[in-house]
Amino acid sequence: DGKLVKIENGVTVTVYDEVEKEIKKDLPTRSHARRQMLKVLNPVVEVPADAAGKKKNTKEVDLVAKLFDEYAPKYATRKGGYTRIVKIGQRKGDAAMTVVLELV
């Protein structure tokens, strides 16, 4: 099971432990969300154990603690490919491709 990631305004990242609902967005929005998520995850993988200096400039302390404590060890050995975009289908109305962005 991948973790579902929601990016609001390109800055705030909310990571859900369990997928309670699907966040459906069009493909360009999720592609932008994927690029923003990679900016968040790439520095996390290379951070030493005492990461206090990296944590102080963030708004969401709980999310940062979760990224450093739970997700960083999981992705430490990965060279890339942290996210997955799953295509769901076309949205009614404007026929835009809807997708879900997950952490692998």
PDB file of N, CA and C in Angstrom:
ATOM      1  N   ASP A   1       0.829  -1.194   0.000  1.00  0.00           N
ATOM      2  CA  ASP A   1       0.000   0.000   0.000  1.00  0.00           C
ATOM      3  C   ASP A   1       0.867   1.249   0.000  1.00  0.00           C
ATOM      4  N   GLY A   2       0.624   2.115  -0.927  1.00  0.00           N
ATOM      5  CA  GLY A   2       1.320   3.396  -0.959  1.00  0.00           C
ATOM      6  C   GLY A   2       0.621   4.384  -0.060  1.00  0.00           C
ATOM      7  N   LYS A   3       1.302   5.424   0.309  1.00  0.00           N
ATOM      8  CA  LYS A   3       0.729   6.486   1.122  1.00  0.00           C
ATOM      9  C   LYS A   3       0.179   7.548   0.193  1.00  0.00           C
ATOM     10  N   LEU A   4      -0.963   8.078   0.543  1.00  0.00           N
ATOM     11  CA  LEU A   4      -1.599   9.089  -0.285  1.00  0.00           C
ATOM     12  C   LEU A   4      -1.077  10.455   0.103  1.00  0.00           C
ATOM     13  N   VAL A   5      -0.750  11.250  -0.861  1.00  0.00           N
ATOM     14  CA  VAL A   5      -0.155  12.561  -0.616  1.00  0.00           C
ATOM     15  C   VAL A   5      -1.039  13.625  -1.227  1.00  0.00           C
ATOM     16  N   LYS A   6      -1.302  14.662  -0.457  1.00  0.00           N
ATOM     17  CA  LYS A   6      -2.090  15.772  -0.968  1.00  0.00           C
ATOM     18  C   LYS A   6      -1.249  17.028  -0.846  1.00  0.00           C
ATOM     19  N   ILE A   7      -1.131  17.770  -1.907  1.00  0.00           N
ATOM     20  CA  ILE A   7      -0.364  19.006  -1.889  1.00  0.00           C
ATOM     21  C   ILE A   7      -1.314  20.159  -2.134  1.00  0.00           C
ATOM     22  N   GLU A   8      -1.376  21.086  -1.179  1.00  0.00           N
ATOM     23  CA  GLU A   8      -2.248  22.241  -1.277  1.00  0.00           C
ATOM     24  C   GLU A   8      -1.396  23.466  -1.534  1.00  0.00           C
ATOM     25  N   ASN A   9      -1.760  24.234  -2.538  1.00  0.00           N
ATOM     26  CA  ASN A   9      -1.064  25.461  -2.903  1.00  0.00           C
ATOM     27  C   ASN A   9       0.406  25.223  -3.223  1.00  0.00           C
ATOM     28  N   GLY A  10       0.806  24.024  -3.521  1.00  0.00           N
ATOM     29  CA  GLY A  10       2.186  23.729  -3.876  1.00  0.00           C
ATOM     30  C   GLY A  10       3.148  23.770  -2.709  1.00  0.00           C
ATOM     31  N   VAL A  11       2.668  23.989  -1.491  1.00  0.00           N
ATOM     32  CA  VAL A  11       3.572  24.134  -0.356  1.00  0.00           C
ATOM     33  C   VAL A  11       3.242  23.139   0.744  1.00  0.00           C
ATOM     34  N   THR A  12       2.006  23.110   1.193  1.00  0.00           N
ATOM     35  CA  THR A  12       1.626  22.280   2.325  1.00  0.00           C
ATOM     36  C   THR A  12       1.460  20.836   1.877  1.00  0.00           C
ATOM     37  N   VAL A  13       2.048  19.926   2.612  1.00  0.00           N
ATOM     38  CA  VAL A  13       1.972  18.511   2.266  1.00  0.00           C
ATOM     39  C   VAL A  13       1.332  17.776   3.426  1.00  0.00           C
ATOM     40  N   THR A  14       0.297  17.005   3.146  1.00  0.00           N
ATOM     41  CA  THR A  14      -0.346  16.207   4.170  1.00  0.00           C
ATOM     42  C   THR A  14      -0.193  14.748   3.785  1.00  0.00           C
ATOM     43  N   VAL A  15       0.375  13.955   4.676  1.00  0.00           N
ATOM     44  CA  VAL A  15       0.593  12.540   4.403  1.00  0.00           C
ATOM     45  C   VAL A  15      -0.389  11.749   5.253  1.00  0.00           C
ATOM     46  N   TYR A  16      -1.189  10.939   4.602  1.00  0.00           N
ATOM     47  CA  TYR A  16      -2.165  10.123   5.306  1.00  0.00           C
ATOM     48  C   TYR A  16      -1.572   8.749   5.580  1.00  0.00           C
ATOM     49  N   ASP A  17      -1.772   8.243   6.824  1.00  0.00           N
ATOM     50  CA  ASP A  17      -1.305   6.897   7.140  1.00  0.00           C
ATOM     51  C   ASP A  17      -2.150   5.856   6.426  1.00  0.00           C
ATOM     52  N   GLU A  18      -3.448   6.022   6.476  1.00  0.00           N
ATOM     53  CA  GLU A  18      -4.336   5.088   5.808  1.00  0.00           C
ATOM     54  C   GLU A  18      -5.158   5.860   4.795  1.00  0.00           C
ATOM     55  N   VAL A  19      -5.410   5.239   3.691  1.00  0.00           N
ATOM     56  CA  VAL A  19      -6.174   5.909   2.643  1.00  0.00           C
ATOM     57  C   VAL A  19      -7.642   5.862   3.044  1.00  0.00           C
ATOM     58  N   GLU A  20      -8.151   7.014   3.499  1.00  0.00           N
ATOM     59  CA  GLU A  20      -9.546   7.086   3.899  1.00  0.00           C
ATOM     60  C   GLU A  20     -10.419   7.574   2.754  1.00  0.00           C
ATOM     61  N   LYS A  21      -9.858   8.382   1.888  1.00  0.00           N
ATOM     62  CA  LYS A  21     -10.605   8.865   0.731  1.00  0.00           C
ATOM     63  C   LYS A  21      -9.619   9.058  -0.403  1.00  0.00           C
ATOM     64  N   GLU A  22     -10.127   9.084  -1.595  1.00  0.00           N
ATOM     65  CA  GLU A  22      -9.271   9.328  -2.744  1.00  0.00           C
ATOM     66  C   GLU A  22      -9.315  10.802  -3.087  1.00  0.00           C
ATOM     67  N   ILE A  23      -8.178  11.366  -3.328  1.00  0.00           N
ATOM     68  CA  ILE A  23      -8.097  12.750  -3.759  1.00  0.00           C
ATOM     69  C   ILE A  23      -7.900  12.717  -5.263  1.00  0.00           C
ATOM     70  N   LYS A  24      -8.942  13.093  -5.965  1.00  0.00           N
ATOM     71  CA  LYS A  24      -8.904  13.016  -7.422  1.00  0.00           C
ATOM     72  C   LYS A  24      -8.627  14.401  -7.983  1.00  0.00           C
ATOM     73  N   LYS A  25      -7.610  14.512  -8.768  1.00  0.00           N
ATOM     74  CA  LYS A  25      -7.256  15.766  -9.435  1.00  0.00           C
ATOM     75  C   LYS A  25      -6.891  15.449 -10.875  1.00  0.00           C
ATOM     76  N   ASP A  26      -6.796  16.484 -11.684  1.00  0.00           N
ATOM     77  CA  ASP A  26      -6.408  16.257 -13.069  1.00  0.00           C
ATOM     78  C   ASP A  26      -4.904  16.022 -13.164  1.00  0.00           C
ATOM     79  N   LEU A  27      -4.476  15.505 -14.289  1.00  0.00           N
ATOM     80  CA  LEU A  27      -3.089  15.077 -14.466  1.00  0.00           C
ATOM     81  C   LEU A  27      -2.071  16.201 -14.320  1.00  0.00           C
ATOM     82  N   PRO A  28      -2.278  17.402 -14.887  1.00  0.00           N
ATOM     83  CA  PRO A  28      -1.272  18.455 -14.696  1.00  0.00           C
ATOM     84  C   PRO A  28      -1.098  18.864 -13.231  1.00  0.00           C
ATOM     85  N   THR A  29      -2.200  18.886 -12.469  1.00  0.00           N
ATOM     86  CA  THR A  29      -2.114  19.241 -11.052  1.00  0.00           C
ATOM     87  C   THR A  29      -1.311  18.202 -10.288  1.00  0.00           C
ATOM     88  N   ARG A  30      -1.551  16.931 -10.537  1.00  0.00           N
ATOM     89  CA  ARG A  30      -0.831  15.869  -9.840  1.00  0.00           C
ATOM     90  C   ARG A  30       0.624  15.798 -10.289  1.00  0.00           C
ATOM     91  N   SER A  31       0.899  16.105 -11.533  1.00  0.00           N
ATOM     92  CA  SER A  31       2.293  16.123 -11.978  1.00  0.00           C
ATOM     93  C   SER A  31       3.062  17.215 -11.259  1.00  0.00           C
ATOM     94  N   HIS A  32       2.420  18.364 -11.063  1.00  0.00           N
ATOM     95  CA  HIS A  32       3.037  19.440 -10.290  1.00  0.00           C
ATOM     96  C   HIS A  32       3.211  18.997  -8.841  1.00  0.00           C
ATOM     97  N   ALA A  33       2.215  18.303  -8.298  1.00  0.00           N
ATOM     98  CA  ALA A  33       2.303  17.807  -6.925  1.00  0.00           C
ATOM     99  C   ALA A  33       3.451  16.819  -6.783  1.00  0.00           C
ATOM    100  N   ARG A  34       3.661  15.987  -7.798  1.00  0.00           N
ATOM    101  CA  ARG A  34       4.764  15.026  -7.756  1.00  0.00           C
ATOM    102  C   ARG A  34       6.109  15.743  -7.718  1.00  0.00           C
ATOM    103  N   ARG A  35       6.260  16.792  -8.531  1.00  0.00           N
ATOM    104  CA  ARG A  35       7.521  17.546  -8.525  1.00  0.00           C
ATOM    105  C   ARG A  35       7.752  18.202  -7.167  1.00  0.00           C
ATOM    106  N   GLN A  36       6.696  18.745  -6.565  1.00  0.00           N
ATOM    107  CA  GLN A  36       6.834  19.367  -5.255  1.00  0.00           C
ATOM    108  C   GLN A  36       7.172  18.323  -4.190  1.00  0.00           C
ATOM    109  N   MET A  37       6.577  17.135  -4.287  1.00  0.00           N
ATOM    110  CA  MET A  37       6.852  16.081  -3.314  1.00  0.00           C
ATOM    111  C   MET A  37       8.287  15.605  -3.429  1.00  0.00           C
ATOM    112  N   LEU A  38       8.823  15.525  -4.630  1.00  0.00           N
ATOM    113  CA  LEU A  38      10.219  15.121  -4.795  1.00  0.00           C
ATOM    114  C   LEU A  38      11.159  16.147  -4.182  1.00  0.00           C
ATOM    115  N   LYS A  39      10.790  17.435  -4.230  1.00  0.00           N
ATOM    116  CA  LYS A  39      11.603  18.459  -3.576  1.00  0.00           C
ATOM    117  C   LYS A  39      11.617  18.262  -2.074  1.00  0.00           C
ATOM    118  N   VAL A  40      10.518  17.728  -1.530  1.00  0.00           N
ATOM    119  CA  VAL A  40      10.444  17.476  -0.090  1.00  0.00           C
ATOM    120  C   VAL A  40      11.203  16.208   0.267  1.00  0.00           C
ATOM    121  N   LEU A  41      11.057  15.150  -0.520  1.00  0.00           N
ATOM    122  CA  LEU A  41      11.634  13.852  -0.165  1.00  0.00           C
ATOM    123  C   LEU A  41      13.124  13.743  -0.435  1.00  0.00           C
ATOM    124  N   ASN A  42      13.638  14.366  -1.469  1.00  0.00           N
ATOM    125  CA  ASN A  42      15.061  14.230  -1.777  1.00  0.00           C
ATOM    126  C   ASN A  42      15.966  14.704  -0.650  1.00  0.00           C
ATOM    127  N   PRO A  43      15.755  15.877  -0.027  1.00  0.00           N
ATOM    128  CA  PRO A  43      16.608  16.260   1.097  1.00  0.00           C
ATOM    129  C   PRO A  43      16.422  15.366   2.312  1.00  0.00           C
ATOM    130  N   VAL A  44      15.225  14.798   2.504  1.00  0.00           N
ATOM    131  CA  VAL A  44      14.965  13.971   3.679  1.00  0.00           C
ATOM    132  C   VAL A  44      15.829  12.722   3.659  1.00  0.00           C
ATOM    133  N   VAL A  45      16.062  12.146   2.502  1.00  0.00           N
ATOM    134  CA  VAL A  45      16.840  10.914   2.399  1.00  0.00           C
ATOM    135  C   VAL A  45      18.290  11.148   2.808  1.00  0.00           C
ATOM    136  N   GLU A  46      18.827  12.322   2.535  1.00  0.00           N
ATOM    137  CA  GLU A  46      20.236  12.588   2.773  1.00  0.00           C
ATOM    138  C   GLU A  46      20.527  13.271   4.108  1.00  0.00           C
ATOM    139  N   VAL A  47      19.563  13.349   4.996  1.00  0.00           N
ATOM    140  CA  VAL A  47      19.711  14.067   6.264  1.00  0.00           C
ATOM    141  C   VAL A  47      20.342  13.154   7.309  1.00  0.00           C
ATOM    142  N   PRO A  48      21.293  13.657   8.108  1.00  0.00           N
ATOM    143  CA  PRO A  48      21.852  12.848   9.191  1.00  0.00           C
ATOM    144  C   PRO A  48      20.824  12.612  10.299  1.00  0.00           C
ATOM    145  N   ALA A  49      21.182  11.786  11.272  1.00  0.00           N
ATOM    146  CA  ALA A  49      20.238  11.411  12.326  1.00  0.00           C
ATOM    147  C   ALA A  49      19.744  12.614  13.126  1.00  0.00           C
ATOM    148  N   ASP A  50      20.631  13.550  13.462  1.00  0.00           N
ATOM    149  CA  ASP A  50      20.195  14.733  14.212  1.00  0.00           C
ATOM    150  C   ASP A  50      19.873  15.839  13.206  1.00  0.00           C
ATOM    151  N   ALA A  51      18.626  15.944  12.854  1.00  0.00           N
ATOM    152  CA  ALA A  51      18.204  16.856  11.787  1.00  0.00           C
ATOM    153  C   ALA A  51      17.510  18.090  12.345  1.00  0.00           C
ATOM    154  N   ALA A  52      17.928  18.568  13.491  1.00  0.00           N
ATOM    155  CA  ALA A  52      17.260  19.707  14.125  1.00  0.00           C
ATOM    156  C   ALA A  52      17.352  20.960  13.270  1.00  0.00           C
ATOM    157  N   GLY A  53      18.455  21.171  12.583  1.00  0.00           N
ATOM    158  CA  GLY A  53      18.614  22.359  11.753  1.00  0.00           C
ATOM    159  C   GLY A  53      17.644  22.398  10.586  1.00  0.00           C
ATOM    160  N   LYS A  54      17.299  21.253  10.030  1.00  0.00           N
ATOM    161  CA  LYS A  54      16.363  21.194   8.909  1.00  0.00           C
ATOM    162  C   LYS A  54      14.926  21.369   9.383  1.00  0.00           C
ATOM    163  N   LYS A  55      14.632  20.966  10.614  1.00  0.00           N
ATOM    164  CA  LYS A  55      13.262  21.003  11.104  1.00  0.00           C
ATOM    165  C   LYS A  55      12.797  22.396  11.496  1.00  0.00           C
ATOM    166  N   LYS A  56      13.675  23.289  11.865  1.00  0.00           N
ATOM    167  CA  LYS A  56      13.242  24.550  12.461  1.00  0.00           C
ATOM    168  C   LYS A  56      12.587  25.507  11.471  1.00  0.00           C
ATOM    169  N   ASN A  57      12.821  25.371  10.187  1.00  0.00           N
ATOM    170  CA  ASN A  57      12.258  26.288   9.206  1.00  0.00           C
ATOM    171  C   ASN A  57      10.928  25.827   8.633  1.00  0.00           C
ATOM    172  N   THR A  58      10.336  24.782   9.158  1.00  0.00           N
ATOM    173  CA  THR A  58       9.103  24.254   8.597  1.00  0.00           C
ATOM    174  C   THR A  58       7.896  24.693   9.408  1.00  0.00           C
ATOM    175  N   LYS A  59       6.745  24.686   8.771  1.00  0.00           N
ATOM    176  CA  LYS A  59       5.511  25.086   9.430  1.00  0.00           C
ATOM    177  C   LYS A  59       4.864  23.931  10.176  1.00  0.00           C
ATOM    178  N   GLU A  60       4.841  22.760   9.576  1.00  0.00           N
ATOM    179  CA  GLU A  60       4.159  21.612  10.146  1.00  0.00           C
ATOM    180  C   GLU A  60       5.184  20.705  10.824  1.00  0.00           C
ATOM    181  N   VAL A  61       5.331  20.855  12.121  1.00  0.00           N
ATOM    182  CA  VAL A  61       6.349  20.102  12.841  1.00  0.00           C
ATOM    183  C   VAL A  61       6.006  18.617  12.866  1.00  0.00           C
ATOM    184  N   ASP A  62       4.729  18.277  12.983  1.00  0.00           N
ATOM    185  CA  ASP A  62       4.342  16.872  13.024  1.00  0.00           C
ATOM    186  C   ASP A  62       4.675  16.169  11.714  1.00  0.00           C
ATOM    187  N   LEU A  63       4.436  16.829  10.609  1.00  0.00           N
ATOM    188  CA  LEU A  63       4.744  16.234   9.313  1.00  0.00           C
ATOM    189  C   LEU A  63       6.242  16.032   9.143  1.00  0.00           C
ATOM    190  N   VAL A  64       7.013  16.998   9.561  1.00  0.00           N
ATOM    191  CA  VAL A  64       8.464  16.878   9.434  1.00  0.00           C
ATOM    192  C   VAL A  64       8.975  15.737  10.297  1.00  0.00           C
ATOM    193  N   ALA A  65       8.465  15.631  11.519  1.00  0.00           N
ATOM    194  CA  ALA A  65       8.869  14.525  12.382  1.00  0.00           C
ATOM    195  C   ALA A  65       8.509  13.192  11.742  1.00  0.00           C
ATOM    196  N   LYS A  66       7.332  13.129  11.129  1.00  0.00           N
ATOM    197  CA  LYS A  66       6.916  11.896  10.464  1.00  0.00           C
ATOM    198  C   LYS A  66       7.819  11.586   9.271  1.00  0.00           C
ATOM    199  N   LEU A  67       8.171  12.600   8.488  1.00  0.00           N
ATOM    200  CA  LEU A  67       9.048  12.377   7.338  1.00  0.00           C
ATOM    201  C   LEU A  67      10.423  11.892   7.770  1.00  0.00           C
ATOM    202  N   PHE A  68      10.979  12.515   8.820  1.00  0.00           N
ATOM    203  CA  PHE A  68      12.328  12.152   9.255  1.00  0.00           C
ATOM    204  C   PHE A  68      12.356  10.819   9.990  1.00  0.00           C
ATOM    205  N   ASP A  69      11.341  10.544  10.811  1.00  0.00           N
ATOM    206  CA  ASP A  69      11.365   9.350  11.650  1.00  0.00           C
ATOM    207  C   ASP A  69      10.851   8.096  10.944  1.00  0.00           C
ATOM    208  N   GLU A  70       9.788   8.241  10.153  1.00  0.00           N
ATOM    209  CA  GLU A  70       9.180   7.060   9.549  1.00  0.00           C
ATOM    210  C   GLU A  70       9.562   6.850   8.088  1.00  0.00           C
ATOM    211  N   TYR A  71       9.486   7.900   7.283  1.00  0.00           N
ATOM    212  CA  TYR A  71       9.655   7.729   5.842  1.00  0.00           C
ATOM    213  C   TYR A  71      11.106   7.792   5.390  1.00  0.00           C
ATOM    214  N   ALA A  72      11.931   8.573   6.046  1.00  0.00           N
ATOM    215  CA  ALA A  72      13.335   8.677   5.631  1.00  0.00           C
ATOM    216  C   ALA A  72      14.055   7.332   5.708  1.00  0.00           C
ATOM    217  N   PRO A  73      13.919   6.554   6.798  1.00  0.00           N
ATOM    218  CA  PRO A  73      14.579   5.245   6.806  1.00  0.00           C
ATOM    219  C   PRO A  73      14.060   4.311   5.709  1.00  0.00           C
ATOM    220  N   LYS A  74      12.775   4.428   5.383  1.00  0.00           N
ATOM    221  CA  LYS A  74      12.194   3.567   4.360  1.00  0.00           C
ATOM    222  C   LYS A  74      12.770   3.870   2.980  1.00  0.00           C
ATOM    223  N   TYR A  75      13.007   5.166   2.696  1.00  0.00           N
ATOM    224  CA  TYR A  75      13.489   5.576   1.382  1.00  0.00           C
ATOM    225  C   TYR A  75      14.997   5.804   1.344  1.00  0.00           C
ATOM    226  N   ALA A  76      15.719   5.474   2.399  1.00  0.00           N
ATOM    227  CA  ALA A  76      17.158   5.748   2.455  1.00  0.00           C
ATOM    228  C   ALA A  76      17.934   4.973   1.392  1.00  0.00           C
ATOM    229  N   THR A  77      17.505   3.777   1.076  1.00  0.00           N
ATOM    230  CA  THR A  77      18.237   2.958   0.115  1.00  0.00           C
ATOM    231  C   THR A  77      17.748   3.137  -1.320  1.00  0.00           C
ATOM    232  N   ARG A  78      16.661   3.874  -1.503  1.00  0.00           N
ATOM    233  CA  ARG A  78      16.122   4.079  -2.856  1.00  0.00           C
ATOM    234  C   ARG A  78      16.868   5.185  -3.569  1.00  0.00           C
ATOM    235  N   LYS A  79      17.122   5.006  -4.836  1.00  0.00           N
ATOM    236  CA  LYS A  79      17.793   6.020  -5.647  1.00  0.00           C
ATOM    237  C   LYS A  79      16.801   7.013  -6.239  1.00  0.00           C
ATOM    238  N   GLY A  80      15.551   6.671  -6.254  1.00  0.00           N
ATOM    239  CA  GLY A  80      14.512   7.535  -6.821  1.00  0.00           C
ATOM    240  C   GLY A  80      13.220   6.754  -6.901  1.00  0.00           C
ATOM    241  N   GLY A  81      12.226   7.307  -7.542  1.00  0.00           N
ATOM    242  CA  GLY A  81      10.951   6.615  -7.684  1.00  0.00           C
ATOM    243  C   GLY A  81      10.165   6.574  -6.397  1.00  0.00           C
ATOM    244  N   TYR A  82      10.039   7.711  -5.729  1.00  0.00           N
ATOM    245  CA  TYR A  82       9.357   7.768  -4.444  1.00  0.00           C
ATOM    246  C   TYR A  82       7.845   7.857  -4.594  1.00  0.00           C
ATOM    247  N   THR A  83       7.383   8.340  -5.734  1.00  0.00           N
ATOM    248  CA  THR A  83       5.951   8.549  -5.929  1.00  0.00           C
ATOM    249  C   THR A  83       5.444   7.741  -7.112  1.00  0.00           C
ATOM    250  N   ARG A  84       4.123   7.539  -7.108  1.00  0.00           N
ATOM    251  CA  ARG A  84       3.471   6.828  -8.199  1.00  0.00           C
ATOM    252  C   ARG A  84       2.193   7.588  -8.539  1.00  0.00           C
ATOM    253  N   ILE A  85       1.938   7.779  -9.814  1.00  0.00           N
ATOM    254  CA  ILE A  85       0.696   8.399 -10.265  1.00  0.00           C
ATOM    255  C   ILE A  85      -0.154   7.308 -10.900  1.00  0.00           C
ATOM    256  N   VAL A  86      -1.353   7.094 -10.330  1.00  0.00           N
ATOM    257  CA  VAL A  86      -2.273   6.082 -10.828  1.00  0.00           C
ATOM    258  C   VAL A  86      -3.404   6.792 -11.563  1.00  0.00           C
ATOM    259  N   LYS A  87      -3.572   6.471 -12.836  1.00  0.00           N
ATOM    260  CA  LYS A  87      -4.641   7.084 -13.624  1.00  0.00           C
ATOM    261  C   LYS A  87      -5.965   6.403 -13.289  1.00  0.00           C
ATOM    262  N   ILE A  88      -6.978   7.222 -13.012  1.00  0.00           N
ATOM    263  CA  ILE A  88      -8.292   6.707 -12.640  1.00  0.00           C
ATOM    264  C   ILE A  88      -9.236   6.705 -13.833  1.00  0.00           C
ATOM    265  N   GLY A  89      -9.218   7.748 -14.593  1.00  0.00           N
ATOM    266  CA  GLY A  89     -10.107   7.860 -15.744  1.00  0.00           C
ATOM    267  C   GLY A  89     -10.384   9.318 -16.035  1.00  0.00           C
ATOM    268  N   GLN A  90     -11.355   9.554 -16.893  1.00  0.00           N
ATOM    269  CA  GLN A  90     -11.674  10.928 -17.249  1.00  0.00           C
ATOM    270  C   GLN A  90     -12.753  11.482 -16.331  1.00  0.00           C
ATOM    271  N   ARG A  91     -12.603  12.755 -15.975  1.00  0.00           N
ATOM    272  CA  ARG A  91     -13.556  13.445 -15.124  1.00  0.00           C
ATOM    273  C   ARG A  91     -14.753  13.864 -15.970  1.00  0.00           C
ATOM    274  N   LYS A  92     -15.949  13.755 -15.387  1.00  0.00           N
ATOM    275  CA  LYS A  92     -17.143  14.203 -16.097  1.00  0.00           C
ATOM    276  C   LYS A  92     -17.140  15.718 -16.165  1.00  0.00           C
ATOM    277  N   GLY A  93     -17.623  16.245 -17.232  1.00  0.00           N
ATOM    278  CA  GLY A  93     -17.697  17.692 -17.387  1.00  0.00           C
ATOM    279  C   GLY A  93     -16.665  18.200 -18.361  1.00  0.00           C
ATOM    280  N   ASP A  94     -15.388  18.153 -17.977  1.00  0.00           N
ATOM    281  CA  ASP A  94     -14.350  18.670 -18.869  1.00  0.00           C
ATOM    282  C   ASP A  94     -13.456  17.571 -19.436  1.00  0.00           C
ATOM    283  N   ALA A  95     -13.715  16.328 -19.085  1.00  0.00           N
ATOM    284  CA  ALA A  95     -12.995  15.162 -19.604  1.00  0.00           C
ATOM    285  C   ALA A  95     -11.496  15.218 -19.329  1.00  0.00           C
ATOM    286  N   ALA A  96     -11.100  15.864 -18.224  1.00  0.00           N
ATOM    287  CA  ALA A  96      -9.689  15.880 -17.841  1.00  0.00           C
ATOM    288  C   ALA A  96      -9.327  14.537 -17.207  1.00  0.00           C
ATOM    289  N   MET A  97      -8.117  14.066 -17.452  1.00  0.00           N
ATOM    290  CA  MET A  97      -7.656  12.812 -16.880  1.00  0.00           C
ATOM    291  C   MET A  97      -7.456  12.996 -15.379  1.00  0.00           C
ATOM    292  N   THR A  98      -8.103  12.153 -14.550  1.00  0.00           N
ATOM    293  CA  THR A  98      -7.938  12.240 -13.106  1.00  0.00           C
ATOM    294  C   THR A  98      -6.972  11.160 -12.650  1.00  0.00           C
ATOM    295  N   VAL A  99      -6.158  11.500 -11.659  1.00  0.00           N
ATOM    296  CA  VAL A  99      -5.135  10.593 -11.157  1.00  0.00           C
ATOM    297  C   VAL A  99      -5.048  10.704  -9.642  1.00  0.00           C
ATOM    298  N   VAL A 100      -4.405   9.720  -9.017  1.00  0.00           N
ATOM    299  CA  VAL A 100      -4.110   9.727  -7.586  1.00  0.00           C
ATOM    300  C   VAL A 100      -2.599   9.656  -7.440  1.00  0.00           C
ATOM    301  N   LEU A 101      -2.041  10.507  -6.590  1.00  0.00           N
ATOM    302  CA  LEU A 101      -0.602  10.515  -6.330  1.00  0.00           C
ATOM    303  C   LEU A 101      -0.343   9.768  -5.033  1.00  0.00           C
ATOM    304  N   GLU A 102       0.528   8.765  -5.070  1.00  0.00           N
ATOM    305  CA  GLU A 102       0.832   7.947  -3.905  1.00  0.00           C
ATOM    306  C   GLU A 102       2.330   7.934  -3.645  1.00  0.00           C
ATOM    307  N   LEU A 103       2.684   7.760  -2.380  1.00  0.00           N
ATOM    308  CA  LEU A 103       4.071   7.438  -2.037  1.00  0.00           C
ATOM    309  C   LEU A 103       4.226   5.932  -2.165  1.00  0.00           C
ATOM    310  N   VAL A 104       5.267   5.494  -2.831  1.00  0.00           N
ATOM    311  CA  VAL A 104       5.476   4.061  -3.069  1.00  0.00           C
ATOM    312  C   VAL A 104       5.984   3.412  -1.805  1.00  0.00           C
TER     313      VAL A 104
END
